Every structure is written in C-alpha cells, then in structure tokens.
Protein backbone atom coordinates (compact mmCIF):
# COMPACT_ATOMS: atom_id res chain seq x y z
CA MET A 1 -19.33 -32.09 -38.60
CA THR A 2 -16.14 -31.99 -40.33
CA VAL A 3 -12.85 -32.49 -39.44
CA GLN A 4 -9.31 -31.72 -40.70
CA ILE A 5 -5.66 -31.29 -40.34
CA GLU A 6 -3.99 -27.98 -40.82
CA ARG A 7 -0.81 -26.68 -41.37
CA ALA A 8 -0.83 -22.83 -41.28
CA GLY A 9 -4.33 -22.81 -42.35
CA THR A 10 -3.90 -25.10 -44.94
CA ALA A 11 -5.73 -28.93 -44.91
CA VAL A 12 -3.08 -31.54 -45.31
CA THR A 13 -3.02 -35.45 -44.80
CA GLN A 14 1.02 -35.78 -44.65
CA ILE A 15 2.77 -34.58 -41.46
CA THR A 16 6.66 -35.08 -40.19
CA SER A 17 7.13 -36.85 -36.74
CA VAL A 18 8.63 -33.60 -35.50
CA GLU A 19 6.25 -30.81 -36.46
CA THR A 20 2.89 -29.97 -34.76
CA VAL A 21 -0.02 -28.98 -36.46
CA LYS A 22 -3.91 -28.00 -35.94
CA ALA A 23 -6.89 -30.44 -35.74
CA VAL A 24 -9.90 -28.65 -36.70
CA ALA A 25 -13.43 -29.45 -36.35
CA ARG A 26 -16.19 -27.74 -37.62
CA LEU A 27 -19.87 -27.92 -36.41
CA THR A 28 -22.85 -26.41 -37.98
CA SER A 29 -26.65 -26.82 -37.56
CA SER A 30 -28.88 -28.26 -40.69
CA SER A 31 -29.06 -24.83 -41.78
CA GLY A 32 -25.67 -24.54 -42.51
CA SER A 33 -25.26 -21.93 -38.88
CA PRO A 34 -22.12 -22.44 -36.88
CA VAL A 35 -22.99 -23.76 -33.07
CA ALA A 36 -20.66 -22.04 -30.52
CA GLY A 37 -19.98 -23.64 -27.27
CA VAL A 38 -19.99 -27.16 -27.73
CA VAL A 39 -17.63 -29.47 -26.13
CA VAL A 40 -15.84 -31.46 -28.80
CA THR A 41 -13.45 -34.61 -28.21
CA PHE A 42 -10.92 -35.52 -30.21
CA VAL A 43 -9.56 -38.87 -30.30
CA GLU A 44 -7.01 -41.17 -32.82
CA GLY A 45 -7.38 -44.44 -33.80
CA SER A 46 -5.76 -47.50 -32.37
CA ALA A 47 -1.98 -46.75 -34.05
CA GLY A 48 -1.17 -44.77 -31.12
CA LEU A 49 0.93 -42.42 -33.21
CA LEU A 50 -0.14 -39.00 -32.17
CA ALA A 51 -0.30 -36.72 -29.00
CA PHE A 52 -2.90 -33.76 -28.50
CA GLN A 53 -2.08 -30.89 -26.56
CA PRO A 54 -4.12 -30.62 -24.31
CA ALA A 55 -3.62 -34.01 -23.79
CA ALA A 56 -7.29 -34.68 -22.79
CA GLY A 57 -7.95 -34.05 -26.54
CA THR A 58 -11.36 -31.19 -25.82
CA ALA A 59 -11.77 -28.16 -27.27
CA LEU A 60 -15.04 -25.75 -26.90
CA THR A 61 -16.27 -24.39 -30.38
CA ASP A 62 -15.82 -20.94 -30.98
CA ALA A 63 -18.58 -17.85 -32.67
CA ASP A 64 -17.65 -19.57 -36.02
CA GLY A 65 -18.31 -23.09 -34.98
CA LYS A 66 -14.50 -24.20 -34.62
CA ALA A 67 -12.69 -26.27 -32.36
CA THR A 68 -8.74 -26.18 -32.17
CA LEU A 69 -6.34 -28.05 -30.39
CA ASP A 70 -2.41 -28.96 -31.44
CA VAL A 71 -1.13 -32.61 -32.68
CA GLY A 72 1.63 -33.88 -33.25
CA ALA A 73 3.39 -37.26 -33.12
CA LYS A 74 4.14 -38.56 -30.12
CA ALA A 75 7.77 -39.28 -30.97
CA SER A 76 10.26 -39.05 -33.77
CA THR A 77 10.03 -42.60 -34.33
CA SER A 78 6.18 -42.44 -35.10
CA ILE A 79 5.84 -43.37 -38.45
CA GLY A 80 2.55 -44.54 -40.38
CA SER A 81 -1.16 -43.79 -40.90
CA THR A 82 -3.80 -43.13 -38.63
CA THR A 83 -6.94 -41.19 -37.72
CA VAL A 84 -8.24 -38.45 -35.73
CA THR A 85 -11.93 -38.68 -35.04
CA ALA A 86 -13.84 -35.59 -33.52
CA THR A 87 -17.06 -35.98 -31.57
CA ALA A 88 -19.43 -33.72 -30.15
CA THR A 89 -23.00 -34.23 -28.87
CA VAL A 90 -25.83 -31.20 -29.52
CA SER A 91 -29.24 -31.34 -27.99
CA GLY A 92 -28.99 -35.01 -27.19
CA THR A 93 -27.80 -35.98 -30.89
CA SER A 94 -24.23 -36.90 -31.28
CA VAL A 95 -22.22 -36.15 -34.31
CA THR A 96 -18.97 -37.52 -35.48
CA ALA A 97 -16.35 -36.87 -38.02
CA SER A 98 -13.03 -38.50 -39.38
CA GLN A 99 -9.92 -37.51 -41.25
CA ALA A 100 -7.15 -40.13 -42.18
CA ILE A 101 -3.49 -38.68 -41.73
CA SER A 102 0.20 -40.03 -42.32
CA VAL A 103 3.13 -39.48 -40.15
CA GLY A 104 6.45 -39.47 -42.11
CA ALA A 105 10.22 -39.12 -41.05
CA ALA A 106 11.68 -35.53 -40.56
CA ALA A 107 13.74 -33.91 -42.96
CA ALA A 108 17.44 -34.78 -42.47
CA THR A 109 18.27 -31.25 -41.30
CA THR A 110 16.49 -28.16 -39.77
CA PRO A 111 17.56 -24.75 -39.98
CA THR A 112 19.59 -23.48 -37.25
CA SER A 113 17.37 -21.56 -34.64
CA ALA A 114 18.93 -17.98 -34.61
CA THR A 115 16.47 -16.23 -31.99
CA ILE A 116 13.30 -17.47 -30.32
CA ALA A 117 10.49 -14.62 -29.00
CA PHE A 118 7.92 -14.56 -26.66
CA VAL A 119 4.60 -14.13 -28.27
CA GLY A 120 2.30 -13.95 -25.34
CA SER A 121 -0.15 -15.25 -23.26
CA SER A 122 -3.64 -16.31 -23.67
CA THR A 123 -4.78 -15.13 -20.18
CA SER A 124 -5.99 -11.61 -20.16
CA GLY A 125 -3.13 -9.15 -17.97
CA GLN A 126 -0.61 -11.80 -17.65
CA ALA A 127 -2.44 -13.54 -14.58
CA ILE A 128 -4.10 -16.66 -13.51
CA ALA A 129 -6.22 -17.48 -10.02
CA ILE A 130 -5.26 -19.75 -7.74
CA LYS A 131 -6.06 -23.43 -8.26
CA GLY A 132 -9.80 -23.70 -7.18
CA ALA A 133 -10.49 -20.19 -7.22
CA GLY A 134 -11.19 -18.94 -10.92
CA GLY A 135 -13.81 -16.85 -11.01
CA SER A 136 -15.88 -15.11 -14.03
CA GLY A 137 -13.47 -14.07 -16.37
CA ARG A 138 -10.58 -15.72 -14.47
CA ALA A 139 -8.49 -19.03 -15.81
CA GLU A 140 -6.69 -21.08 -13.70
CA ALA A 141 -4.17 -21.76 -16.48
CA ALA A 142 -2.43 -20.18 -19.53
CA ILE A 143 -1.22 -20.83 -22.72
CA LEU A 144 2.26 -19.27 -23.28
CA ALA A 145 3.39 -19.18 -26.93
CA PHE A 146 6.92 -18.55 -28.60
CA LYS A 147 8.41 -18.35 -31.95
CA VAL A 148 11.34 -19.98 -33.45
CA LEU A 149 12.97 -17.66 -35.90
CA ASP A 150 16.07 -17.51 -38.29
CA SER A 151 18.84 -15.57 -38.96
CA LYS A 152 16.80 -13.55 -41.61
CA GLY A 153 13.58 -13.31 -39.07
CA ALA A 154 11.94 -16.14 -41.14
CA PRO A 155 9.73 -18.95 -38.97
CA ILE A 156 11.40 -22.62 -38.50
CA ALA A 157 9.37 -25.25 -38.55
CA GLY A 158 10.58 -28.65 -36.71
CA ALA A 159 12.69 -26.91 -34.04
CA ALA A 160 12.84 -28.46 -30.64
CA VAL A 161 12.55 -26.31 -27.79
CA ASN A 162 12.93 -26.91 -23.99
CA PHE A 163 10.91 -24.91 -21.52
CA THR A 164 12.15 -24.66 -17.60
CA ALA A 165 10.46 -22.22 -15.39
CA ASN A 166 11.08 -20.71 -11.48
CA LEU A 167 8.41 -22.50 -9.84
CA GLN A 168 9.73 -21.29 -6.53
CA GLU A 169 7.67 -18.31 -6.11
CA ALA A 170 4.43 -20.33 -7.40
CA ALA A 171 4.58 -23.09 -5.23
CA GLY A 172 2.39 -26.03 -6.51
CA ALA A 173 2.18 -24.43 -10.01
CA THR A 174 3.20 -27.07 -12.79
CA PHE A 175 3.80 -26.40 -16.88
CA SER A 176 3.46 -29.48 -19.43
CA PRO A 177 4.96 -30.25 -21.80
CA ALA A 178 8.73 -29.08 -20.95
CA SER A 179 9.56 -29.44 -24.63
CA ALA A 180 7.85 -28.81 -27.78
CA VAL A 181 8.55 -28.67 -31.68
CA SER A 182 7.63 -25.77 -33.74
CA ASP A 183 4.87 -25.72 -36.17
CA SER A 184 5.12 -24.55 -39.76
CA SER A 185 4.72 -20.74 -38.39
CA GLY A 186 7.66 -21.45 -36.11
CA ARG A 187 5.27 -21.40 -32.83
CA VAL A 188 5.62 -23.68 -30.14
CA THR A 189 3.66 -23.65 -26.45
CA THR A 190 3.56 -24.56 -23.11
CA ALA A 191 0.72 -24.53 -20.80
CA VAL A 192 0.72 -23.40 -16.95
CA LEU A 193 -1.32 -24.64 -14.23
CA SER A 194 -1.89 -22.89 -11.13
CA GLY A 195 -1.15 -24.24 -7.72
CA PHE A 196 -2.13 -23.46 -4.47
CA SER A 197 -0.25 -20.85 -3.45
CA ALA A 198 0.12 -16.98 -4.66
CA GLY A 199 3.16 -16.05 -6.48
CA SER A 200 4.68 -14.88 -9.77
CA MET A 201 6.70 -17.37 -12.42
CA VAL A 202 8.43 -16.78 -15.42
CA VAL A 203 8.47 -19.46 -18.02
CA VAL A 204 12.36 -19.79 -20.26
CA ALA A 205 12.26 -21.05 -23.53
CA THR A 206 15.55 -22.53 -25.13
CA ALA A 207 16.32 -24.05 -28.58
CA ALA A 208 17.63 -27.64 -27.88
CA SER A 209 20.23 -27.06 -30.55
CA SER A 210 21.54 -24.43 -28.48
CA THR A 211 21.59 -23.27 -24.94
CA ASN A 212 22.85 -19.83 -26.19
CA VAL A 213 19.42 -19.46 -27.96
CA ALA A 214 16.83 -18.52 -25.73
CA VAL A 215 14.20 -16.31 -24.28
CA GLN A 216 12.25 -15.53 -20.86
CA SER A 217 8.38 -14.87 -21.01
CA ASP A 218 6.79 -12.32 -19.24
CA ALA A 219 6.28 -12.83 -15.52
CA LEU A 220 2.47 -14.37 -14.77
CA LEU A 221 0.74 -13.73 -11.91
CA ILE A 222 -0.72 -16.33 -9.64
CA SER A 223 -3.05 -14.89 -7.45
CA ASN A 224 -6.51 -14.12 -6.30
CA GLY A 225 -7.63 -16.99 -4.39
CA ALA A 226 -11.12 -18.34 -2.24
CA PRO A 227 -12.64 -16.02 0.17
CA VAL A 228 -11.34 -16.78 3.76
CA SER A 229 -13.68 -15.89 6.81
CA PRO A 230 -11.08 -13.61 8.31
CA GLY A 231 -11.21 -11.44 5.05
CA PHE A 232 -15.20 -11.00 4.82
CA GLU A 233 -17.03 -8.51 6.11
CA ILE A 234 -20.08 -6.41 5.68
CA ALA A 235 -21.25 -2.66 6.15
CA ALA A 236 -23.89 -0.37 5.97
CA ALA A 237 -23.56 2.96 4.46
CA LYS A 238 -26.30 3.79 7.37
CA TYR A 239 -27.58 1.54 9.80
CA ASN A 240 -30.95 3.68 11.31
CA LEU A 241 -33.16 4.55 8.70
CA ASP A 242 -36.55 6.17 9.18
CA GLY A 243 -39.04 3.59 10.32
CA ALA A 244 -41.94 5.91 9.60
CA LEU A 245 -41.60 6.09 5.95
CA ALA A 246 -41.75 2.84 3.81
CA GLY A 247 -39.23 2.62 1.01
CA ASP A 248 -36.22 4.70 2.97
CA ALA A 249 -33.09 2.30 2.09
CA THR A 250 -29.35 2.30 2.42
CA LYS A 251 -26.47 -0.03 0.88
CA ILE A 252 -24.99 -2.83 2.02
CA THR A 253 -21.56 -3.29 1.12
CA ALA A 254 -19.73 -6.95 1.14
CA TYR A 255 -16.03 -7.18 1.38
CA VAL A 256 -14.03 -10.20 0.42
CA ARG A 257 -10.52 -11.07 0.30
CA ASP A 258 -8.60 -14.02 -0.15
CA GLN A 259 -5.69 -15.43 2.46
CA PHE A 260 -3.15 -13.46 0.86
CA GLY A 261 -4.91 -10.16 1.05
CA ASN A 262 -5.88 -9.61 -2.37
CA PRO A 263 -9.71 -9.28 -3.29
CA VAL A 264 -11.23 -12.25 -4.40
CA PRO A 265 -11.65 -13.01 -8.42
CA ASP A 266 -14.97 -11.31 -9.72
CA GLY A 267 -18.03 -13.51 -9.51
CA VAL A 268 -17.95 -14.49 -5.89
CA ALA A 269 -21.56 -15.02 -5.41
CA VAL A 270 -22.72 -13.30 -1.63
CA SER A 271 -26.36 -14.08 -0.85
CA PHE A 272 -28.30 -11.60 2.15
CA GLN A 273 -31.40 -12.72 4.05
CA THR A 274 -33.61 -10.44 6.52
CA ASP A 275 -36.12 -11.18 9.30
CA TYR A 276 -37.18 -7.76 8.88
CA GLY A 277 -37.56 -4.95 6.14
CA ALA A 278 -36.45 -6.08 3.02
CA VAL A 279 -32.72 -6.58 1.63
CA ALA A 280 -31.31 -7.16 -1.83
CA ALA A 281 -33.42 -7.21 -5.34
CA SER A 282 -36.11 -9.10 -7.05
CA THR A 283 -33.69 -10.30 -9.84
CA MET A 284 -30.95 -11.59 -7.43
CA GLY A 285 -31.32 -12.42 -3.36
CA GLY A 286 -27.38 -10.98 -2.89
CA CYS A 287 -24.70 -9.85 -5.74
CA THR A 288 -21.30 -11.06 -7.25
CA THR A 289 -18.18 -9.55 -6.24
CA VAL A 290 -16.17 -7.25 -8.84
CA ASN A 291 -12.81 -6.15 -7.31
CA GLY A 292 -13.55 -8.02 -3.87
CA MET A 293 -16.34 -5.94 -3.16
CA CYS A 294 -20.69 -5.82 -4.31
CA SER A 295 -23.56 -4.21 -2.25
CA VAL A 296 -27.30 -4.43 -2.16
CA ASP A 297 -30.12 -2.31 -0.94
CA PHE A 298 -32.27 -2.67 2.36
CA ARG A 299 -35.11 -0.84 2.58
CA VAL A 300 -37.81 -0.17 5.43
CA GLN A 301 -41.18 -2.12 5.01
CA GLU A 302 -43.42 -4.79 6.89
CA PRO A 303 -42.79 -6.74 8.64
CA ARG A 304 -40.76 -3.85 10.89
CA GLY A 305 -40.57 -5.95 14.25
CA THR A 306 -39.61 -3.61 16.95
CA GLY A 307 -37.55 -2.07 14.39
CA LEU A 308 -34.55 -4.06 14.73
CA ALA A 309 -33.40 -6.05 11.59
CA THR A 310 -30.96 -8.73 11.26
CA VAL A 311 -29.12 -8.82 7.91
CA VAL A 312 -27.23 -11.67 6.99
CA ALA A 313 -24.27 -12.57 4.38
CA THR A 314 -23.22 -15.75 3.24
CA ILE A 315 -20.80 -17.27 1.07
CA GLY A 316 -20.08 -20.50 -0.16
CA ALA A 317 -16.35 -20.98 -0.02
CA GLY A 318 -15.53 -24.35 -1.94
CA THR A 319 -18.00 -27.72 -1.63
CA SER A 320 -18.24 -27.64 2.44
CA THR A 321 -17.13 -24.33 3.98
CA VAL A 322 -19.99 -21.75 4.79
CA LEU A 323 -18.64 -18.00 5.40
CA GLN A 324 -21.20 -15.84 7.00
CA ARG A 325 -21.49 -12.34 8.66
CA SER A 326 -24.28 -10.25 10.23
CA LEU A 327 -25.22 -6.80 11.27
CA SER A 328 -28.35 -4.86 13.06
CA MET A 329 -30.25 -2.40 10.80
CA HIS A 330 -32.74 -0.24 12.63
CA MET A 331 -35.92 1.09 11.55
CA PRO A 332 -37.03 3.73 14.72
CA VAL A 333 -40.14 5.78 14.54
CA PRO A 334 -41.23 8.73 16.12
CA ALA A 335 -44.11 7.21 18.27
CA ASN A 336 -43.14 6.98 21.79
CA SER A 337 -39.55 8.16 21.51
CA SER A 338 -37.89 10.24 24.32
CA LEU A 339 -35.12 11.99 25.89
CA ILE A 340 -33.52 10.36 28.69
CA SER A 341 -30.55 11.34 30.96
CA LYS A 342 -27.45 10.05 30.40
CA THR A 343 -26.47 9.76 33.72
CA THR A 344 -29.22 8.71 35.59
CA ALA A 345 -31.21 6.66 32.47
CA ASP A 346 -34.49 8.06 33.43
CA MET A 347 -36.68 10.38 31.14
CA LEU A 348 -35.57 13.75 31.18
CA THR A 349 -38.36 15.95 32.40
CA LYS A 350 -37.15 17.88 35.19
CA VAL A 351 -33.30 19.26 35.46
CA ALA A 352 -32.33 21.69 38.42
CA MET A 353 -29.44 24.10 37.59
CA THR A 354 -26.95 24.54 40.24
CA SER A 355 -24.98 27.23 38.68
CA CYS A 356 -25.91 29.91 36.33
CA LYS A 357 -24.72 28.16 33.35
CA GLN A 358 -24.97 24.14 33.21
CA THR A 359 -24.67 21.54 30.33
CA PHE A 360 -27.25 18.42 30.92
CA GLU A 361 -26.40 15.10 28.80
CA ALA A 362 -29.22 13.51 27.53
CA ARG A 363 -29.63 10.75 24.94
CA LEU A 364 -32.69 10.29 22.14
CA GLN A 365 -33.98 6.96 21.95
CA ASP A 366 -37.15 4.99 20.30
CA SER A 367 -39.37 3.13 22.12
CA THR A 368 -37.00 0.05 22.21
CA GLY A 369 -34.02 2.14 23.64
CA TYR A 370 -32.26 2.43 20.56
CA ALA A 371 -31.20 5.26 18.66
CA MET A 372 -33.82 7.56 16.24
CA ALA A 373 -33.04 7.55 12.58
CA ALA A 374 -29.71 9.19 11.39
CA GLY A 375 -30.04 12.97 10.28
CA THR A 376 -32.77 13.63 13.10
CA VAL A 377 -32.71 17.21 14.20
CA VAL A 378 -33.01 18.34 17.56
CA ALA A 379 -33.89 21.70 18.20
CA VAL A 380 -35.22 24.40 21.32
CA ASP A 381 -38.41 25.71 20.18
CA SER A 382 -39.25 28.14 22.90
CA THR A 383 -38.96 28.93 26.58
CA SER A 384 -41.54 30.21 28.88
CA THR A 385 -39.02 33.28 30.25
CA GLY A 386 -36.54 35.35 28.58
CA ASP A 387 -34.51 34.56 31.78
CA LEU A 388 -33.43 30.94 30.66
CA VAL A 389 -31.90 30.64 27.28
CA ALA A 390 -31.06 26.76 26.02
CA THR A 391 -29.38 25.70 23.13
CA ILE A 392 -28.50 22.67 21.99
CA LYS A 393 -24.72 21.93 22.52
CA SER A 394 -23.98 18.79 19.95
CA GLY A 395 -25.60 16.16 18.42
CA ASN A 396 -27.40 18.06 16.34
CA PRO A 397 -28.39 16.49 13.71
CA VAL A 398 -28.23 13.03 15.55
CA MET A 399 -25.35 10.87 13.90
CA ASP A 400 -25.63 7.50 12.68
CA ALA A 401 -25.16 4.86 15.87
CA LEU A 402 -22.83 2.22 14.30
CA ASP A 403 -22.91 0.00 16.83
CA LEU A 404 -24.59 -3.66 15.98
CA ALA A 405 -27.15 -2.90 18.73
CA PRO A 406 -27.50 0.66 17.90
CA THR A 407 -27.42 2.82 21.17
CA ALA A 408 -29.20 6.12 21.95
CA VAL A 409 -27.20 8.59 20.62
CA ALA A 410 -26.21 10.77 23.25
CA PHE A 411 -26.39 14.59 23.12
CA GLU A 412 -25.93 18.12 25.21
CA ILE A 413 -28.22 21.12 26.32
CA ASN A 414 -26.96 23.96 27.43
CA ALA A 415 -29.16 25.86 29.84
CA THR A 416 -27.78 29.56 30.91
CA ASN A 417 -29.96 32.23 33.02
CA ALA A 418 -29.59 35.12 31.50
CA SER A 419 -30.96 37.63 33.55
CA LEU A 420 -28.80 40.51 35.39
CA GLY A 421 -27.50 39.77 38.36
CA CYS A 422 -27.63 35.46 38.44
CA ASN A 423 -26.48 34.40 42.09
CA ALA A 424 -25.96 30.74 41.67
CA ALA A 425 -25.29 30.71 45.58
CA GLY A 426 -28.19 33.10 46.63
CA THR A 427 -31.55 31.84 47.91
CA GLY A 428 -33.52 32.45 44.72
CA GLN A 429 -34.69 30.41 42.16
CA GLY A 430 -37.00 30.37 39.07
CA THR A 431 -38.73 27.84 36.89
CA ALA A 432 -39.00 27.89 33.29
CA GLU A 433 -40.34 25.60 30.46
CA VAL A 434 -38.39 24.71 27.67
CA THR A 435 -40.17 23.17 24.77
CA LEU A 436 -37.97 20.76 22.51
CA SER A 437 -38.37 18.83 19.39
CA TRP A 438 -36.44 16.34 16.92
CA THR A 439 -37.80 15.83 13.73
CA THR A 440 -36.85 12.96 11.43
CA PRO A 441 -35.30 13.39 7.71
CA HIS A 442 -38.49 12.93 6.48
CA GLY A 443 -40.11 15.91 8.49
CA VAL A 444 -42.20 13.86 11.00
CA LYS A 445 -41.83 16.17 14.47
CA GLN A 446 -41.91 14.97 18.32
CA PRO A 447 -42.30 17.58 20.86
CA TRP A 448 -40.64 17.09 24.95
CA LEU A 449 -41.22 19.47 27.68
CA ILE A 450 -38.57 20.02 30.30
CA GLU A 451 -39.04 21.58 33.37
CA VAL A 452 -35.85 23.82 34.58
CA THR A 453 -35.31 25.20 37.85
CA TYR A 454 -32.72 27.66 37.88
CA PRO A 455 -30.88 30.02 40.37
CA LYS A 456 -31.84 34.14 40.44
C-alpha cells in the first residue's frame, strides 16, 4: 500500500486552505500486480484539519489498484501539519500507509470567475434509483461535477461555489456539500442522494463571488423503486402442454413494476417453484429482471400428478415483504379424454337432429375435466352414410384455455342431411355413425364415435 496527495495528478505535500485535492492510495499484491475491488479507508491524524468527500472517507480500488477521494481543509482557517493514512484489508491481512501534508493559508486573491460549466454526472443515463431500490448497475447517488473558468477559459483553483437544487419534485432527496472550493483543475462536485419518492431535480452551481455566474446541471431523474404487490404478475405463453410428451415446454414470464408505474431496476430476483413438472433451470431456480421482466421455462415431466401443476413465483421486497403470484399449468394426456355435451355435461355419444341442419355444442376434455393440449386438432374422419354430412364448425384446432383451472374447450359440430327432399316435419328418420378424432400437437390420435339420428 502507498498513499499520496495529488493536485492535478502531481504528488504534493502542501496545499492551501481553500483548495480541494485528491488522496490516492495504490494497492498491489506481493508480486506488484494491482488489487481491485478492495475498500480503502482514509483517516486524518489527530490535528483535525481536513475533510474528506465522501465524508465516510472510503473508496474502492479500481482495475489499476487505485482508490481515490477528495480531500481539503475543513475551513479557510485550518492551518498546520497533519497526516493522511489509508488502510485496507486483503484476505484477512491489514495493510496501511501514511502521507504527511501541510495546510497553508490561501493566496490573498483569486481570479474572478467568469463562467461555470456543468461537466456531467457519475451515473449512466442521468438517473438514479429511489432509496433502497438500487439494482444491478443502478446507483442511489450521483456525483455532479462542475468546472470554474476565467474569462479566457482557463480553470480557476480556489474559487468558492454554492449549490442549490429544486428538491420539490424529488421529495426526500438530499445533496451535499452545499458549497465547495475548486481544485487546481477548476473542478467542484456535489453528491445527490435519492429519497423514497420518484421525481427529477436540477442542481444549480453559483459562484460565491457573483450570483450572476451560475449554471444548472442536466435534469437528474430519480425513479424505479422497489417491487409492489399490485405491480407483480406472471403469465405463460401456453397453459396447456402435451402431457404425453416429456420435454414439451413453454415460457412463463414475470412482470414487475414499482408503485410509480416504472419497471423495477434491473436485477430483481424472481424465484419459481412447482409441485409437478419442472420449472426454471439448473443454474438458477428463477430469473432476474431486465426492464421489469424475466422468463423461465416450464416443461412436462414426472411427476405429473393428475396433470395440473401449480407454479409459484416469489420476490423478496425489502427485509420482510414477500410478494407471490401463482398460475396453473396443465399437462393433459389423450388417454381417457372425451367429448361432452355443453348443454347436458354428459358424454356426447348420441344426438338427435330435429331439423335438416343442426349445430351441436361440445367440449373436449381430458380425464380430469380440463382442456386438452393447445393446438389439438379435432376432425370428422368419416360418416356411415352419404345422407349425412358432419363438419367441425369452430374450435379446430383447440385454442389454449387461459383460466387458472383450465376448463374444457368448447367447439361446434355441424350436422346436415344432404339427401334430397329432407322433411324435418316428416315421420321418417335415419341413423348414421359419425367418427370424430382429435390429434395432439405431437401426433397422438384419439377416435370418438357419435350416433346421429336425423330426419328424412
């Protein structure tokens, strides 16, 4: 570990009481390689002359093993000598380094500030997350940087700048410090921290020497809060799979938003469980959201139970709140499937026509009374006489049943006496056998015979 004080990238041992410089620690391994991702804590000796930004005095080493933060005198009257010490712990081993520094009085005059420029924000996309909702790649704070320039466009060091903000639209948001002194590159910064409410805010930087020299930052958006129960649902691309085919699958998608109607920050974890079949993947028993959505696969396999599986999705929101949603997935098999009359709920094996052309409503169901696999094709294979023509009017192929308990799917059969001189009021009648069948999306076929009595 090494530590030094830098002004514009150059190591110094003396600073003025009105400038802000950098405290830079460098952490390397025993072989001289930089060590990244380690928290370094900076403290001052007992003199009490310095102030760190952030105030906690901590920074994370980057890919070059460098941890950097701002340091300056607590006040323009803070004069004297002190030390800056950096400490880190790597694999249980503590390392430390110190640098002596003296703080002297500021120069009597500072060039007049001619303009202040907004440099930018430390966040991506000019947005931060609501407090407590920061997800993958989402921060709950932003560092806004400005630069103080003279009339020739050269940076001014030691210029005092005051910060104000329109916090009305972003209730609960705070910023700190309220004033700062530019470093040798003319740079000043202030940190914005989100509150518990969505909104936007603008920070205005004004030169202490003249209120006419000011600039506002770009609007900073504060949004994307924690998941809420009314904004959580799950839906399947298909609810009725082919239970006779192990591995038949569909996607189940979770949709998650916050209380303000925004998709939650990326990285919210949604776990999935099921009592029958299988859900999610071996690498992760769920998914993490991107733009408020994520998907998992549900597939047919043992155990199948009676064919009706309950899939439960869970989100942990905060330390105590658990959000849950569930849906039913169905894995019907052709065995013991049947046609039932929509009007009587009896098996549809005999029908009597009272006119020369008639429509009969039926439902196709599995052995538990629920729908067959979506995409099952119902067809008329044959009739025993040319006098009668039977066709499927609707429901072919069988559509997906979206109910939580998938009900049998209704469709209609047209029966027409095609013989000449059909007289519905007459006393004659004929009987024909109509052979129907239904075939699952993967080719399993089930025949069904209906006896039709028709007028002649």
